[in-house]
PDB file of N, CA and C in Angstrom:
ATOM      1  N   MET A   1       6.859 -11.225   0.080  1.00  0.00           N
ATOM      2  CA  MET A   1       7.864 -10.175   0.105  1.00  0.00           C
ATOM      3  C   MET A   1       9.051 -10.654   0.925  1.00  0.00           C
ATOM      4  N   LYS A   2      10.197 -10.099   0.591  1.00  0.00           N
ATOM      5  CA  LYS A   2      11.404 -10.487   1.320  1.00  0.00           C
ATOM      6  C   LYS A   2      12.120  -9.237   1.829  1.00  0.00           C
ATOM      7  N   PRO A   3      12.976  -9.378   2.832  1.00  0.00           N
ATOM      8  CA  PRO A   3      13.721  -8.215   3.329  1.00  0.00           C
ATOM      9  C   PRO A   3      14.497  -7.542   2.198  1.00  0.00           C
ATOM     10  N   ILE A   4      14.594  -6.245   2.291  1.00  0.00           N
ATOM     11  CA  ILE A   4      15.247  -5.464   1.238  1.00  0.00           C
ATOM     12  C   ILE A   4      16.713  -5.823   1.099  1.00  0.00           C
ATOM     13  N   ASP A   5      17.114  -6.067  -0.123  1.00  0.00           N
ATOM     14  CA  ASP A   5      18.511  -6.174  -0.531  1.00  0.00           C
ATOM     15  C   ASP A   5      18.804  -4.863  -1.272  1.00  0.00           C
ATOM     16  N   PRO A   6      19.486  -3.921  -0.639  1.00  0.00           N
ATOM     17  CA  PRO A   6      19.635  -2.597  -1.246  1.00  0.00           C
ATOM     18  C   PRO A   6      20.320  -2.610  -2.611  1.00  0.00           C
ATOM     19  N   HIS A   7      21.244  -3.524  -2.838  1.00  0.00           N
ATOM     20  CA  HIS A   7      21.925  -3.580  -4.141  1.00  0.00           C
ATOM     21  C   HIS A   7      20.968  -4.027  -5.232  1.00  0.00           C
ATOM     22  N   ALA A   8      20.127  -5.015  -4.938  1.00  0.00           N
ATOM     23  CA  ALA A   8      19.146  -5.497  -5.919  1.00  0.00           C
ATOM     24  C   ALA A   8      18.095  -4.420  -6.190  1.00  0.00           C
ATOM     25  N   VAL A   9      17.630  -3.739  -5.142  1.00  0.00           N
ATOM     26  CA  VAL A   9      16.645  -2.669  -5.324  1.00  0.00           C
ATOM     27  C   VAL A   9      17.243  -1.543  -6.160  1.00  0.00           C
ATOM     28  N   GLN A  10      18.496  -1.189  -5.908  1.00  0.00           N
ATOM     29  CA  GLN A  10      19.138  -0.118  -6.684  1.00  0.00           C
ATOM     30  C   GLN A  10      19.205  -0.489  -8.161  1.00  0.00           C
ATOM     31  N   ARG A  11      19.478  -1.733  -8.466  1.00  0.00           N
ATOM     32  CA  ARG A  11      19.514  -2.162  -9.876  1.00  0.00           C
ATOM     33  C   ARG A  11      18.161  -1.956 -10.551  1.00  0.00           C
ATOM     34  N   VAL A  12      17.077  -2.274  -9.848  1.00  0.00           N
ATOM     35  CA  VAL A  12      15.743  -2.085 -10.416  1.00  0.00           C
ATOM     36  C   VAL A  12      15.437  -0.590 -10.563  1.00  0.00           C
ATOM     37  N   ILE A  13      15.758   0.200  -9.554  1.00  0.00           N
ATOM     38  CA  ILE A  13      15.553   1.659  -9.645  1.00  0.00           C
ATOM     39  C   ILE A  13      16.273   2.209 -10.870  1.00  0.00           C
ATOM     40  N   ASP A  14      17.510   1.799 -11.076  1.00  0.00           N
ATOM     41  CA  ASP A  14      18.291   2.290 -12.218  1.00  0.00           C
ATOM     42  C   ASP A  14      17.632   1.911 -13.546  1.00  0.00           C
ATOM     43  N   LYS A  15      17.032   0.739 -13.636  1.00  0.00           N
ATOM     44  CA  LYS A  15      16.384   0.308 -14.880  1.00  0.00           C
ATOM     45  C   LYS A  15      15.071   1.036 -15.132  1.00  0.00           C
ATOM     46  N   LEU A  16      14.463   1.596 -14.091  1.00  0.00           N
ATOM     47  CA  LEU A  16      13.180   2.278 -14.238  1.00  0.00           C
ATOM     48  C   LEU A  16      13.309   3.783 -14.476  1.00  0.00           C
ATOM     49  N   LYS A  17      14.496   4.340 -14.333  1.00  0.00           N
ATOM     50  CA  LYS A  17      14.615   5.794 -14.452  1.00  0.00           C
ATOM     51  C   LYS A  17      14.448   6.270 -15.895  1.00  0.00           C
ATOM     52  N   ASN A  18      14.126   7.553 -16.026  1.00  0.00           N
ATOM     53  CA  ASN A  18      13.955   8.240 -17.310  1.00  0.00           C
ATOM     54  C   ASN A  18      12.824   7.677 -18.162  1.00  0.00           C
ATOM     55  N   GLN A  19      11.741   7.252 -17.513  1.00  0.00           N
ATOM     56  CA  GLN A  19      10.544   6.816 -18.237  1.00  0.00           C
ATOM     57  C   GLN A  19       9.318   7.137 -17.393  1.00  0.00           C
ATOM     58  N   ASP A  20       8.185   7.319 -18.048  1.00  0.00           N
ATOM     59  CA  ASP A  20       6.943   7.567 -17.314  1.00  0.00           C
ATOM     60  C   ASP A  20       6.522   6.297 -16.601  1.00  0.00           C
ATOM     61  N   LEU A  21       6.297   6.421 -15.299  1.00  0.00           N
ATOM     62  CA  LEU A  21       5.919   5.286 -14.461  1.00  0.00           C
ATOM     63  C   LEU A  21       4.701   5.655 -13.631  1.00  0.00           C
ATOM     64  N   PHE A  22       3.952   4.654 -13.251  1.00  0.00           N
ATOM     65  CA  PHE A  22       2.858   4.858 -12.317  1.00  0.00           C
ATOM     66  C   PHE A  22       3.415   4.701 -10.906  1.00  0.00           C
ATOM     67  N   LEU A  23       2.971   5.582 -10.031  1.00  0.00           N
ATOM     68  CA  LEU A  23       3.447   5.624  -8.648  1.00  0.00           C
ATOM     69  C   LEU A  23       2.289   5.378  -7.701  1.00  0.00           C
ATOM     70  N   HIS A  24       2.508   4.474  -6.777  1.00  0.00           N
ATOM     71  CA  HIS A  24       1.589   4.276  -5.652  1.00  0.00           C
ATOM     72  C   HIS A  24       2.416   4.546  -4.399  1.00  0.00           C
ATOM     73  N   LEU A  25       1.932   5.455  -3.567  1.00  0.00           N
ATOM     74  CA  LEU A  25       2.646   5.829  -2.352  1.00  0.00           C
ATOM     75  C   LEU A  25       1.634   5.942  -1.224  1.00  0.00           C
ATOM     76  N   GLU A  26       1.899   5.263  -0.129  1.00  0.00           N
ATOM     77  CA  GLU A  26       1.010   5.391   1.017  1.00  0.00           C
ATOM     78  C   GLU A  26       1.791   5.288   2.318  1.00  0.00           C
ATOM     79  N   MET A  27       1.231   5.926   3.345  1.00  0.00           N
ATOM     80  CA  MET A  27       1.825   5.911   4.668  1.00  0.00           C
ATOM     81  C   MET A  27       0.683   6.000   5.660  1.00  0.00           C
ATOM     82  N   THR A  28       0.774   5.249   6.738  1.00  0.00           N
ATOM     83  CA  THR A  28      -0.235   5.351   7.788  1.00  0.00           C
ATOM     84  C   THR A  28       0.389   5.055   9.143  1.00  0.00           C
ATOM     85  N   THR A  29      -0.082   5.754  10.126  1.00  0.00           N
ATOM     86  CA  THR A  29       0.314   5.441  11.501  1.00  0.00           C
ATOM     87  C   THR A  29      -0.739   4.548  12.139  1.00  0.00           C
ATOM     88  N   GLY A  30      -1.697   4.139  11.333  1.00  0.00           N
ATOM     89  CA  GLY A  30      -2.813   3.325  11.834  1.00  0.00           C
ATOM     90  C   GLY A  30      -4.083   4.126  11.706  1.00  0.00           C
ATOM     91  N   ALA A  31      -4.616   4.197  10.506  1.00  0.00           N
ATOM     92  CA  ALA A  31      -5.751   5.073  10.215  1.00  0.00           C
ATOM     93  C   ALA A  31      -6.932   4.838  11.144  1.00  0.00           C
ATOM     94  N   TYR A  32      -7.084   3.631  11.666  1.00  0.00           N
ATOM     95  CA  TYR A  32      -8.217   3.339  12.540  1.00  0.00           C
ATOM     96  C   TYR A  32      -7.802   3.162  13.997  1.00  0.00           C
ATOM     97  N   ALA A  33      -6.548   3.473  14.294  1.00  0.00           N
ATOM     98  CA  ALA A  33      -6.049   3.243  15.655  1.00  0.00           C
ATOM     99  C   ALA A  33      -6.829   4.049  16.691  1.00  0.00           C
ATOM    100  N   SER A  34      -7.250   5.264  16.346  1.00  0.00           N
ATOM    101  CA  SER A  34      -7.941   6.092  17.329  1.00  0.00           C
ATOM    102  C   SER A  34      -9.326   5.546  17.673  1.00  0.00           C
ATOM    103  N   HIS A  35      -9.879   4.649  16.844  1.00  0.00           N
ATOM    104  CA  HIS A  35     -11.156   4.017  17.179  1.00  0.00           C
ATOM    105  C   HIS A  35     -11.010   3.122  18.402  1.00  0.00           C
ATOM    106  N   PHE A  36      -9.813   2.564  18.582  1.00  0.00           N
ATOM    107  CA  PHE A  36      -9.573   1.637  19.684  1.00  0.00           C
ATOM    108  C   PHE A  36      -8.902   2.320  20.872  1.00  0.00           C
ATOM    109  N   ASP A  37      -8.207   3.419  20.625  1.00  0.00           N
ATOM    110  CA  ASP A  37      -7.494   4.131  21.682  1.00  0.00           C
ATOM    111  C   ASP A  37      -7.465   5.607  21.310  1.00  0.00           C
ATOM    112  N   SER A  38      -8.269   6.414  21.968  1.00  0.00           N
ATOM    113  CA  SER A  38      -8.407   7.827  21.603  1.00  0.00           C
ATOM    114  C   SER A  38      -7.129   8.628  21.830  1.00  0.00           C
ATOM    115  N   SER A  39      -6.154   8.072  22.558  1.00  0.00           N
ATOM    116  CA  SER A  39      -4.894   8.789  22.759  1.00  0.00           C
ATOM    117  C   SER A  39      -3.945   8.638  21.574  1.00  0.00           C
ATOM    118  N   LYS A  40      -4.248   7.728  20.651  1.00  0.00           N
ATOM    119  CA  LYS A  40      -3.383   7.493  19.485  1.00  0.00           C
ATOM    120  C   LYS A  40      -3.572   8.604  18.459  1.00  0.00           C
ATOM    121  N   PHE A  41      -2.470   9.141  17.978  1.00  0.00           N
ATOM    122  CA  PHE A  41      -2.489  10.118  16.899  1.00  0.00           C
ATOM    123  C   PHE A  41      -2.428   9.360  15.577  1.00  0.00           C
ATOM    124  N   THR A  42      -3.320   9.670  14.670  1.00  0.00           N
ATOM    125  CA  THR A  42      -3.312   8.973  13.386  1.00  0.00           C
ATOM    126  C   THR A  42      -2.985   9.949  12.267  1.00  0.00           C
ATOM    127  N   ALA A  43      -2.270   9.435  11.278  1.00  0.00           N
ATOM    128  CA  ALA A  43      -1.942  10.203  10.079  1.00  0.00           C
ATOM    129  C   ALA A  43      -1.843   9.217   8.932  1.00  0.00           C
ATOM    130  N   SER A  44      -2.188   9.676   7.730  1.00  0.00           N
ATOM    131  CA  SER A  44      -2.051   8.801   6.570  1.00  0.00           C
ATOM    132  C   SER A  44      -1.913   9.630   5.301  1.00  0.00           C
ATOM    133  N   THR A  45      -1.329   9.001   4.292  1.00  0.00           N
ATOM    134  CA  THR A  45      -1.165   9.579   2.965  1.00  0.00           C
ATOM    135  C   THR A  45      -1.427   8.473   1.960  1.00  0.00           C
ATOM    136  N   PHE A  46      -2.075   8.823   0.846  1.00  0.00           N
ATOM    137  CA  PHE A  46      -2.376   7.816  -0.163  1.00  0.00           C
ATOM    138  C   PHE A  46      -2.369   8.478  -1.536  1.00  0.00           C
ATOM    139  N   LEU A  47      -1.594   7.931  -2.453  1.00  0.00           N
ATOM    140  CA  LEU A  47      -1.558   8.371  -3.846  1.00  0.00           C
ATOM    141  C   LEU A  47      -1.498   7.112  -4.693  1.00  0.00           C
ATOM    142  N   LYS A  48      -2.419   6.982  -5.632  1.00  0.00           N
ATOM    143  CA  LYS A  48      -2.438   5.798  -6.481  1.00  0.00           C
ATOM    144  C   LYS A  48      -2.445   6.222  -7.943  1.00  0.00           C
ATOM    145  N   ASN A  49      -1.528   5.647  -8.715  1.00  0.00           N
ATOM    146  CA  ASN A  49      -1.425   5.843 -10.158  1.00  0.00           C
ATOM    147  C   ASN A  49      -1.107   7.278 -10.571  1.00  0.00           C
ATOM    148  N   GLY A  50      -0.340   7.979  -9.732  1.00  0.00           N
ATOM    149  CA  GLY A  50       0.235   9.238 -10.168  1.00  0.00           C
ATOM    150  C   GLY A  50       1.371   8.907 -11.135  1.00  0.00           C
ATOM    151  N   VAL A  51       1.564   9.748 -12.130  1.00  0.00           N
ATOM    152  CA  VAL A  51       2.631   9.487 -13.102  1.00  0.00           C
ATOM    153  C   VAL A  51       3.867  10.263 -12.676  1.00  0.00           C
ATOM    154  N   VAL A  52       4.997   9.579 -12.683  1.00  0.00           N
ATOM    155  CA  VAL A  52       6.257  10.189 -12.273  1.00  0.00           C
ATOM    156  C   VAL A  52       7.359   9.744 -13.230  1.00  0.00           C
ATOM    157  N   ARG A  53       8.300  10.635 -13.443  1.00  0.00           N
ATOM    158  CA  ARG A  53       9.510  10.329 -14.210  1.00  0.00           C
ATOM    159  C   ARG A  53      10.669  10.874 -13.387  1.00  0.00           C
ATOM    160  N   PHE A  54      11.637  10.023 -13.110  1.00  0.00           N
ATOM    161  CA  PHE A  54      12.768  10.479 -12.309  1.00  0.00           C
ATOM    162  C   PHE A  54      14.072  10.253 -13.061  1.00  0.00           C
ATOM    163  N   ALA A  55      14.991  11.187 -12.877  1.00  0.00           N
ATOM    164  CA  ALA A  55      16.291  11.114 -13.534  1.00  0.00           C
ATOM    165  C   ALA A  55      17.331  10.452 -12.646  1.00  0.00           C
ATOM    166  N   GLU A  56      17.119  10.542 -11.343  1.00  0.00           N
ATOM    167  CA  GLU A  56      18.023   9.925 -10.379  1.00  0.00           C
ATOM    168  C   GLU A  56      17.193   9.260  -9.299  1.00  0.00           C
ATOM    169  N   GLY A  57      17.630   8.113  -8.845  1.00  0.00           N
ATOM    170  CA  GLY A  57      16.950   7.436  -7.760  1.00  0.00           C
ATOM    171  C   GLY A  57      17.947   6.638  -6.956  1.00  0.00           C
ATOM    172  N   SER A  58      17.725   6.594  -5.646  1.00  0.00           N
ATOM    173  CA  SER A  58      18.655   5.830  -4.824  1.00  0.00           C
ATOM    174  C   SER A  58      17.971   5.291  -3.580  1.00  0.00           C
ATOM    175  N   ILE A  59      18.538   4.210  -3.073  1.00  0.00           N
ATOM    176  CA  ILE A  59      18.119   3.627  -1.807  1.00  0.00           C
ATOM    177  C   ILE A  59      19.271   3.813  -0.835  1.00  0.00           C
ATOM    178  N   ALA A  60      18.942   4.141   0.410  1.00  0.00           N
ATOM    179  CA  ALA A  60      19.972   4.387   1.414  1.00  0.00           C
ATOM    180  C   ALA A  60      19.485   3.867   2.766  1.00  0.00           C
ATOM    181  N   GLY A  61      20.422   3.717   3.666  1.00  0.00           N
ATOM    182  CA  GLY A  61      20.105   3.265   5.015  1.00  0.00           C
ATOM    183  C   GLY A  61      20.848   1.989   5.333  1.00  0.00           C
ATOM    184  N   GLY A  62      20.939   1.699   6.614  1.00  0.00           N
ATOM    185  CA  GLY A  62      21.690   0.535   7.048  1.00  0.00           C
ATOM    186  C   GLY A  62      20.853  -0.678   7.356  1.00  0.00           C
ATOM    187  N   GLY A  63      19.545  -0.580   7.188  1.00  0.00           N
ATOM    188  CA  GLY A  63      18.666  -1.701   7.450  1.00  0.00           C
ATOM    189  C   GLY A  63      18.392  -1.851   8.940  1.00  0.00           C
ATOM    190  N   PRO A  64      17.361  -2.493   9.352  1.00  0.00           N
ATOM    191  CA  PRO A  64      16.445  -3.192   8.451  1.00  0.00           C
ATOM    192  C   PRO A  64      15.524  -2.259   7.678  1.00  0.00           C
ATOM    193  N   ALA A  65      15.438  -0.981   8.068  1.00  0.00           N
ATOM    194  CA  ALA A  65      14.594  -0.030   7.339  1.00  0.00           C
ATOM    195  C   ALA A  65      15.462   0.842   6.431  1.00  0.00           C
ATOM    196  N   PHE A  66      14.944   1.118   5.242  1.00  0.00           N
ATOM    197  CA  PHE A  66      15.665   1.897   4.245  1.00  0.00           C
ATOM    198  C   PHE A  66      14.810   3.069   3.783  1.00  0.00           C
ATOM    199  N   ARG A  67      15.430   3.983   3.061  1.00  0.00           N
ATOM    200  CA  ARG A  67      14.722   5.110   2.455  1.00  0.00           C
ATOM    201  C   ARG A  67      15.054   5.148   0.977  1.00  0.00           C
ATOM    202  N   VAL A  68      14.091   5.619   0.185  1.00  0.00           N
ATOM    203  CA  VAL A  68      14.259   5.747  -1.258  1.00  0.00           C
ATOM    204  C   VAL A  68      13.920   7.174  -1.642  1.00  0.00           C
ATOM    205  N   GLY A  69      14.769   7.772  -2.458  1.00  0.00           N
ATOM    206  CA  GLY A  69      14.529   9.104  -2.994  1.00  0.00           C
ATOM    207  C   GLY A  69      14.587   9.062  -4.512  1.00  0.00           C
ATOM    208  N   LEU A  70      13.636   9.722  -5.147  1.00  0.00           N
ATOM    209  CA  LEU A  70      13.567   9.799  -6.602  1.00  0.00           C
ATOM    210  C   LEU A  70      13.559  11.260  -6.997  1.00  0.00           C
ATOM    211  N   LYS A  71      14.564  11.709  -7.736  1.00  0.00           N
ATOM    212  CA  LYS A  71      14.676  13.112  -8.156  1.00  0.00           C
ATOM    213  C   LYS A  71      13.988  13.297  -9.499  1.00  0.00           C
ATOM    214  N   THR A  72      12.947  14.127  -9.494  1.00  0.00           N
ATOM    215  CA  THR A  72      12.211  14.434 -10.714  1.00  0.00           C
ATOM    216  C   THR A  72      12.679  15.781 -11.248  1.00  0.00           C
ATOM    217  N   ASP A  73      12.140  16.203 -12.391  1.00  0.00           N
ATOM    218  CA  ASP A  73      12.491  17.513 -12.948  1.00  0.00           C
ATOM    219  C   ASP A  73      12.068  18.659 -12.040  1.00  0.00           C
ATOM    220  N   THR A  74      11.020  18.457 -11.244  1.00  0.00           N
ATOM    221  CA  THR A  74      10.474  19.552 -10.446  1.00  0.00           C
ATOM    222  C   THR A  74      10.574  19.345  -8.939  1.00  0.00           C
ATOM    223  N   GLY A  75      11.133  18.236  -8.493  1.00  0.00           N
ATOM    224  CA  GLY A  75      11.224  18.005  -7.058  1.00  0.00           C
ATOM    225  C   GLY A  75      11.637  16.583  -6.733  1.00  0.00           C
ATOM    226  N   TRP A  76      11.141  16.101  -5.593  1.00  0.00           N
ATOM    227  CA  TRP A  76      11.542  14.791  -5.095  1.00  0.00           C
ATOM    228  C   TRP A  76      10.340  13.976  -4.655  1.00  0.00           C
ATOM    229  N   VAL A  77      10.449  12.660  -4.785  1.00  0.00           N
ATOM    230  CA  VAL A  77       9.572  11.702  -4.131  1.00  0.00           C
ATOM    231  C   VAL A  77      10.470  10.981  -3.138  1.00  0.00           C
ATOM    232  N   TYR A  78      10.020  10.899  -1.898  1.00  0.00           N
ATOM    233  CA  TYR A  78      10.858  10.349  -0.842  1.00  0.00           C
ATOM    234  C   TYR A  78      10.005   9.445   0.050  1.00  0.00           C
ATOM    235  N   SER A  79      10.520   8.302   0.416  1.00  0.00           N
ATOM    236  CA  SER A  79       9.822   7.393   1.309  1.00  0.00           C
ATOM    237  C   SER A  79      10.835   6.766   2.256  1.00  0.00           C
ATOM    238  N   GLU A  80      10.480   6.701   3.533  1.00  0.00           N
ATOM    239  CA  GLU A  80      11.385   6.154   4.547  1.00  0.00           C
ATOM    240  C   GLU A  80      10.671   5.091   5.365  1.00  0.00           C
ATOM    241  N   GLY A  81      11.424   4.139   5.871  1.00  0.00           N
ATOM    242  CA  GLY A  81      10.874   3.076   6.699  1.00  0.00           C
ATOM    243  C   GLY A  81      10.563   1.810   5.924  1.00  0.00           C
ATOM    244  N   LEU A  82      11.130   1.681   4.734  1.00  0.00           N
ATOM    245  CA  LEU A  82      10.878   0.522   3.871  1.00  0.00           C
ATOM    246  C   LEU A  82      11.704  -0.666   4.353  1.00  0.00           C
ATOM    247  N   THR A  83      11.063  -1.819   4.495  1.00  0.00           N
ATOM    248  CA  THR A  83      11.737  -2.999   5.029  1.00  0.00           C
ATOM    249  C   THR A  83      11.720  -4.203   4.095  1.00  0.00           C
ATOM    250  N   HIS A  84      10.743  -4.279   3.189  1.00  0.00           N
ATOM    251  CA  HIS A  84      10.571  -5.447   2.332  1.00  0.00           C
ATOM    252  C   HIS A  84      10.334  -5.034   0.886  1.00  0.00           C
ATOM    253  N   TRP A  85      10.557  -5.988  -0.029  1.00  0.00           N
ATOM    254  CA  TRP A  85      10.411  -5.652  -1.444  1.00  0.00           C
ATOM    255  C   TRP A  85      10.092  -6.863  -2.297  1.00  0.00           C
ATOM    256  N   GLU A  86       9.604  -6.563  -3.498  1.00  0.00           N
ATOM    257  CA  GLU A  86       9.456  -7.492  -4.620  1.00  0.00           C
ATOM    258  C   GLU A  86       9.762  -6.677  -5.861  1.00  0.00           C
ATOM    259  N   GLY A  87      10.306  -7.308  -6.897  1.00  0.00           N
ATOM    260  CA  GLY A  87      10.545  -6.543  -8.107  1.00  0.00           C
ATOM    261  C   GLY A  87      11.580  -7.113  -9.023  1.00  0.00           C
ATOM    262  N   GLU A  88      11.767  -8.376  -8.974  1.00  0.00           N
ATOM    263  CA  GLU A  88      12.808  -8.959  -9.786  1.00  0.00           C
ATOM    264  C   GLU A  88      12.460  -9.034 -11.263  1.00  0.00           C
ATOM    265  N   ASP A  89      11.176  -8.770 -11.620  1.00  0.00           N
ATOM    266  CA  ASP A  89      10.828  -8.752 -13.047  1.00  0.00           C
ATOM    267  C   ASP A  89      11.294  -7.450 -13.702  1.00  0.00           C
ATOM    268  N   GLU A  90      11.656  -6.472 -12.906  1.00  0.00           N
ATOM    269  CA  GLU A  90      12.214  -5.191 -13.338  1.00  0.00           C
ATOM    270  C   GLU A  90      11.244  -4.329 -14.124  1.00  0.00           C
ATOM    271  N   ASP A  91       9.942  -4.683 -14.161  1.00  0.00           N
ATOM    272  CA  ASP A  91       8.911  -3.815 -14.713  1.00  0.00           C
ATOM    273  C   ASP A  91       8.130  -3.136 -13.599  1.00  0.00           C
ATOM    274  N   THR A  92       8.205  -3.705 -12.415  1.00  0.00           N
ATOM    275  CA  THR A  92       7.483  -3.185 -11.256  1.00  0.00           C
ATOM    276  C   THR A  92       8.371  -3.322 -10.031  1.00  0.00           C
ATOM    277  N   LEU A  93       8.385  -2.301  -9.210  1.00  0.00           N
ATOM    278  CA  LEU A  93       9.108  -2.345  -7.948  1.00  0.00           C
ATOM    279  C   LEU A  93       8.095  -2.089  -6.841  1.00  0.00           C
ATOM    280  N   LEU A  94       7.968  -3.013  -5.937  1.00  0.00           N
ATOM    281  CA  LEU A  94       7.063  -2.904  -4.803  1.00  0.00           C
ATOM    282  C   LEU A  94       7.893  -2.944  -3.536  1.00  0.00           C
ATOM    283  N   MET A  95       7.749  -1.911  -2.709  1.00  0.00           N
ATOM    284  CA  MET A  95       8.455  -1.858  -1.435  1.00  0.00           C
ATOM    285  C   MET A  95       7.454  -1.525  -0.342  1.00  0.00           C
ATOM    286  N   ALA A  96       7.667  -2.083   0.816  1.00  0.00           N
ATOM    287  CA  ALA A  96       6.775  -1.839   1.942  1.00  0.00           C
ATOM    288  C   ALA A  96       7.582  -1.785   3.219  1.00  0.00           C
ATOM    289  N   GLY A  97       7.051  -1.076   4.186  1.00  0.00           N
ATOM    290  CA  GLY A  97       7.637  -1.030   5.514  1.00  0.00           C
ATOM    291  C   GLY A  97       6.625  -1.538   6.516  1.00  0.00           C
ATOM    292  N   PHE A  98       7.035  -2.505   7.330  1.00  0.00           N
ATOM    293  CA  PHE A  98       6.158  -3.099   8.330  1.00  0.00           C
ATOM    294  C   PHE A  98       6.686  -2.773   9.720  1.00  0.00           C
ATOM    295  N   ASP A  99       5.758  -2.532  10.647  1.00  0.00           N
ATOM    296  CA  ASP A  99       6.172  -2.245  12.022  1.00  0.00           C
ATOM    297  C   ASP A  99       6.479  -3.545  12.770  1.00  0.00           C
ATOM    298  N   GLY A 100       6.798  -3.441  14.036  1.00  0.00           N
ATOM    299  CA  GLY A 100       7.161  -4.601  14.830  1.00  0.00           C
ATOM    300  C   GLY A 100       6.047  -5.622  14.986  1.00  0.00           C
ATOM    301  N   GLU A 101       4.801  -5.201  14.738  1.00  0.00           N
ATOM    302  CA  GLU A 101       3.661  -6.116  14.815  1.00  0.00           C
ATOM    303  C   GLU A 101       3.304  -6.691  13.448  1.00  0.00           C
ATOM    304  N   GLY A 102       4.086  -6.346  12.422  1.00  0.00           N
ATOM    305  CA  GLY A 102       3.823  -6.852  11.080  1.00  0.00           C
ATOM    306  C   GLY A 102       2.775  -6.073  10.313  1.00  0.00           C
ATOM    307  N   LYS A 103       2.419  -4.889  10.800  1.00  0.00           N
ATOM    308  CA  LYS A 103       1.416  -4.064  10.123  1.00  0.00           C
ATOM    309  C   LYS A 103       2.093  -3.127   9.131  1.00  0.00           C
ATOM    310  N   LEU A 104       1.432  -2.920   7.993  1.00  0.00           N
ATOM    311  CA  LEU A 104       1.952  -2.019   6.975  1.00  0.00           C
ATOM    312  C   LEU A 104       1.958  -0.582   7.489  1.00  0.00           C
ATOM    313  N   VAL A 105       3.098   0.085   7.355  1.00  0.00           N
ATOM    314  CA  VAL A 105       3.237   1.473   7.762  1.00  0.00           C
ATOM    315  C   VAL A 105       3.466   2.367   6.545  1.00  0.00           C
ATOM    316  N   VAL A 106       4.232   1.868   5.568  1.00  0.00           N
ATOM    317  CA  VAL A 106       4.549   2.661   4.386  1.00  0.00           C
ATOM    318  C   VAL A 106       4.638   1.739   3.172  1.00  0.00           C
ATOM    319  N   GLY A 107       4.212   2.238   2.030  1.00  0.00           N
ATOM    320  CA  GLY A 107       4.309   1.480   0.791  1.00  0.00           C
ATOM    321  C   GLY A 107       4.716   2.384  -0.357  1.00  0.00           C
ATOM    322  N   LEU A 108       5.553   1.880  -1.233  1.00  0.00           N
ATOM    323  CA  LEU A 108       6.003   2.607  -2.427  1.00  0.00           C
ATOM    324  C   LEU A 108       6.056   1.607  -3.573  1.00  0.00           C
ATOM    325  N   GLN A 109       5.304   1.897  -4.642  1.00  0.00           N
ATOM    326  CA  GLN A 109       5.299   1.042  -5.822  1.00  0.00           C
ATOM    327  C   GLN A 109       5.584   1.890  -7.046  1.00  0.00           C
ATOM    328  N   LEU A 110       6.378   1.345  -7.955  1.00  0.00           N
ATOM    329  CA  LEU A 110       6.630   1.956  -9.257  1.00  0.00           C
ATOM    330  C   LEU A 110       6.401   0.893 -10.305  1.00  0.00           C
ATOM    331  N   GLY A 111       5.738   1.270 -11.399  1.00  0.00           N
ATOM    332  CA  GLY A 111       5.516   0.293 -12.449  1.00  0.00           C
ATOM    333  C   GLY A 111       5.143   0.932 -13.776  1.00  0.00           C
ATOM    334  N   ARG A 112       5.323   0.174 -14.821  1.00  0.00           N
ATOM    335  CA  ARG A 112       5.001   0.650 -16.164  1.00  0.00           C
ATOM    336  C   ARG A 112       3.503   0.590 -16.467  1.00  0.00           C
ATOM    337  N   LYS A 113       2.752  -0.166 -15.646  1.00  0.00           N
ATOM    338  CA  LYS A 113       1.301  -0.303 -15.810  1.00  0.00           C
ATOM    339  C   LYS A 113       0.608   0.224 -14.566  1.00  0.00           C
ATOM    340  N   PRO A 114      -0.625   0.725 -14.696  1.00  0.00           N
ATOM    341  CA  PRO A 114      -1.356   1.190 -13.504  1.00  0.00           C
ATOM    342  C   PRO A 114      -1.563   0.071 -12.491  1.00  0.00           C
ATOM    343  N   PHE A 115      -1.702   0.457 -11.234  1.00  0.00           N
ATOM    344  CA  PHE A 115      -1.921  -0.502 -10.155  1.00  0.00           C
ATOM    345  C   PHE A 115      -3.402  -0.653  -9.888  1.00  0.00           C
TER     346      PHE A 115
END
């Protein structure tokens, strides 16, 4: 993965809009952190292969962390803290956010095939 280039990511988002896509979305503050330190608050979210269709999508932020919003017919998909990406094949967009220790904090994937 490489650091996000917002212009390149926006081009891929634009090519993926208005079609049924598989969505993988996850966020964690360290699901197992409380095992090592009981004072740590843990939270996580995980969705794999949900189907989404968005009419508008955009990436915003000044870096190194960015946010992506996808406007659907009935609401929004939103992810913040994204730092890295892959997706130059334009069939799949993979974005991830890593903390200062290099640990995954947030992930957002869109693709035409299930993950």
